[in-house]
C-alpha atoms as a PDB file:
ATOM      1  CA  MET A   1       0.035  -0.103   0.001  1.00  0.00           C
ATOM      2  CA  VAL A   2       2.927   2.421   0.865  1.00  0.00           C
ATOM      3  CA  ASN A   3       4.229   1.450  -2.565  1.00  0.00           C
ATOM      4  CA  ASP A   4       1.461   2.346  -4.253  1.00  0.00           C
ATOM      5  CA  LEU A   5       0.989   5.580  -3.044  1.00  0.00           C
ATOM      6  CA  THR A   6       4.170   6.585  -3.203  1.00  0.00           C
ATOM      7  CA  ALA A   7       4.523   5.160  -7.308  1.00  0.00           C
ATOM      8  CA  GLN A   8       1.006   7.537  -7.047  1.00  0.00           C
ATOM      9  CA  VAL A   9       3.080  10.717  -5.968  1.00  0.00           C
ATOM     10  CA  ALA A  10       5.859  10.103  -8.162  1.00  0.00           C
ATOM     11  CA  CYS A  11       3.572  10.026 -11.282  1.00  0.00           C
ATOM     12  CA  LEU A  12       1.634  13.407 -10.049  1.00  0.00           C
ATOM     13  CA  LYS A  13       4.974  14.871  -9.591  1.00  0.00           C
ATOM     14  CA  GLU A  14       5.808  13.832 -13.108  1.00  0.00           C
ATOM     15  CA  GLN A  15       2.964  15.749 -14.433  1.00  0.00           C
ATOM     16  CA  VAL A  16       3.314  18.806 -12.218  1.00  0.00           C
ATOM     17  CA  VAL A  17       6.858  19.282 -13.601  1.00  0.00           C
ATOM     18  CA  GLY A  18       5.435  18.562 -17.469  1.00  0.00           C
ATOM     19  CA  LEU A  19       2.680  21.222 -16.813  1.00  0.00           C
ATOM     20  CA  GLN A  20       5.130  23.881 -15.177  1.00  0.00           C
ATOM     21  CA  ALA A  21       6.719  23.130 -18.794  1.00  0.00           C
ATOM     22  CA  THR A  22       3.918  23.873 -21.166  1.00  0.00           C
ATOM     23  CA  VAL A  23       3.082  26.878 -18.867  1.00  0.00           C
ATOM     24  CA  VAL A  24       6.869  27.647 -19.718  1.00  0.00           C
ATOM     25  CA  LEU A  25       6.659  27.177 -23.148  1.00  0.00           C
ATOM     26  CA  GLN A  26       3.195  29.378 -23.083  1.00  0.00           C
ATOM     27  CA  GLY A  27       4.830  32.393 -21.563  1.00  0.00           C
ATOM     28  CA  LEU A  28       7.627  32.431 -24.052  1.00  0.00           C
ATOM     29  CA  TYR A  29       5.301  32.235 -26.669  1.00  0.00           C
ATOM     30  CA  CYS A  30       3.256  34.712 -25.724  1.00  0.00           C
ATOM     31  CA  ASP A  31       6.139  36.949 -25.465  1.00  0.00           C
ATOM     32  CA  ARG A  32       7.460  36.436 -28.766  1.00  0.00           C
ATOM     33  CA  VAL A  33       3.508  36.990 -30.311  1.00  0.00           C
ATOM     34  CA  GLN A  34       3.332  40.301 -28.570  1.00  0.00           C
ATOM     35  CA  GLN A  35       6.776  41.448 -29.645  1.00  0.00           C
ATOM     36  CA  HIS A  36       5.864  40.539 -33.343  1.00  0.00           C
ATOM     37  CA  LEU A  37       2.612  42.635 -32.761  1.00  0.00           C
ATOM     38  CA  GLU A  38       4.251  45.332 -30.858  1.00  0.00           C
ATOM     39  CA  THR A  39       6.244  45.395 -34.104  1.00  0.00           C
ATOM     40  CA  GLN A  40       3.534  45.600 -36.235  1.00  0.00           C
ATOM     41  CA  VAL A  41       1.827  48.326 -34.847  1.00  0.00           C
ATOM     42  CA  LYS A  42       4.997  50.796 -34.797  1.00  0.00           C
ATOM     43  CA  LYS A  43       5.295  50.291 -39.069  1.00  0.00           C
ATOM     44  CA  MET A  44       1.647  50.877 -38.954  1.00  0.00           C
ATOM     45  CA  GLU A  45       2.446  54.281 -37.259  1.00  0.00           C
ATOM     46  CA  LYS A  46       4.960  55.335 -39.369  1.00  0.00           C
ATOM     47  CA  ASP A  47       4.589  58.179 -42.089  1.00  0.00           C
ATOM     48  CA  ASN A  48       3.545  55.764 -44.559  1.00  0.00           C
ATOM     49  CA  ILE A  49       0.230  57.471 -45.784  1.00  0.00           C
ATOM     50  CA  ARG A  50      -0.680  57.341 -49.021  1.00  0.00           C
ATOM     51  CA  LEU A  51      -2.929  59.526 -50.536  1.00  0.00           C
ATOM     52  CA  ASN A  52      -4.894  56.824 -52.732  1.00  0.00           C
ATOM     53  CA  GLY A  53      -4.368  53.482 -50.943  1.00  0.00           C
ATOM     54  CA  ASN A  54      -5.897  51.151 -53.749  1.00  0.00           C
ATOM     55  CA  GLY A  55      -2.920  50.997 -56.116  1.00  0.00           C
ATOM     56  CA  MET A  56      -4.829  52.450 -59.302  1.00  0.00           C
ATOM     57  CA  PRO A  57      -2.788  55.454 -60.917  1.00  0.00           C
ATOM     58  CA  TRP A  58      -5.173  58.846 -60.472  1.00  0.00           C
ATOM     59  CA  LEU A  59      -5.168  62.316 -62.345  1.00  0.00           C
ATOM     60  CA  LEU A  60      -4.113  64.407 -59.915  1.00  0.00           C
ATOM     61  CA  THR A  61      -6.263  67.430 -60.839  1.00  0.00           C
ATOM     62  CA  GLY A  62      -8.636  69.259 -58.852  1.00  0.00           C
ATOM     63  CA  ASN A  63      -9.285  71.102 -55.486  1.00  0.00           C
ATOM     64  CA  LYS A  64     -10.389  67.751 -53.330  1.00  0.00           C
ATOM     65  CA  ILE A  65      -6.653  66.358 -54.142  1.00  0.00           C
ATOM     66  CA  PHE A  66      -4.952  69.780 -53.754  1.00  0.00           C
ATOM     67  CA  GLU A  67      -6.527  70.331 -50.232  1.00  0.00           C
ATOM     68  CA  GLU A  68      -5.859  66.999 -49.019  1.00  0.00           C
ATOM     69  CA  VAL A  69      -1.876  67.277 -50.453  1.00  0.00           C
ATOM     70  CA  LEU A  70      -1.680  70.884 -48.236  1.00  0.00           C
ATOM     71  CA  GLN A  71      -3.165  69.063 -45.396  1.00  0.00           C
ATOM     72  CA  HIS A  72      -0.868  66.071 -45.613  1.00  0.00           C
ATOM     73  CA  GLN A  73       2.313  68.267 -46.377  1.00  0.00           C
ATOM     74  CA  ALA A  74       0.811  70.828 -43.232  1.00  0.00           C
ATOM     75  CA  GLN A  75       0.664  67.574 -40.812  1.00  0.00           C
ATOM     76  CA  GLN A  76       4.072  66.576 -41.552  1.00  0.00           C
ATOM     77  CA  GLU A  77       5.298  70.102 -40.895  1.00  0.00           C
ATOM     78  CA  ALA A  78       3.419  69.715 -37.349  1.00  0.00           C
ATOM     79  CA  LYS A  79       5.640  66.523 -37.043  1.00  0.00           C
ATOM     80  CA  VAL A  80       8.549  67.882 -37.812  1.00  0.00           C
ATOM     81  CA  ALA A  81       8.359  70.677 -35.456  1.00  0.00           C
ATOM     82  CA  ALA A  82       7.106  68.477 -32.727  1.00  0.00           C
ATOM     83  CA  LYS A  83       9.892  66.098 -32.897  1.00  0.00           C
ATOM     84  CA  LYS A  84      12.199  69.048 -32.962  1.00  0.00           C
ATOM     85  CA  GLN A  85      10.593  70.718 -29.898  1.00  0.00           C
ATOM     86  CA  GLN A  86      10.566  67.764 -27.911  1.00  0.00           C
ATOM     87  CA  CYS A  87      15.068  67.658 -29.096  1.00  0.00           C
ATOM     88  CA  GLN A  88      15.757  71.640 -27.695  1.00  0.00           C
ATOM     89  CA  ALA A  89      13.283  70.551 -24.398  1.00  0.00           C
END
């Protein structure tokens, strides 16, 4: 009877060690996935703005596109000015 209980305890300890190893591996995987997602978010936040995002050519005439270009340039200039101000502070 004591031998049976000892064998059961040893089996349960092996199972606990296996479960702990699984948790450690899952934690490592989650860390890698989180880093990958953060990298993707940083890439999306960059200034990769396109006026026409569908890849088809456009004839760039008209007041609407001109206003969009001016607005985009103003945003870029504001970002550059903010970065310069941060560097000086």
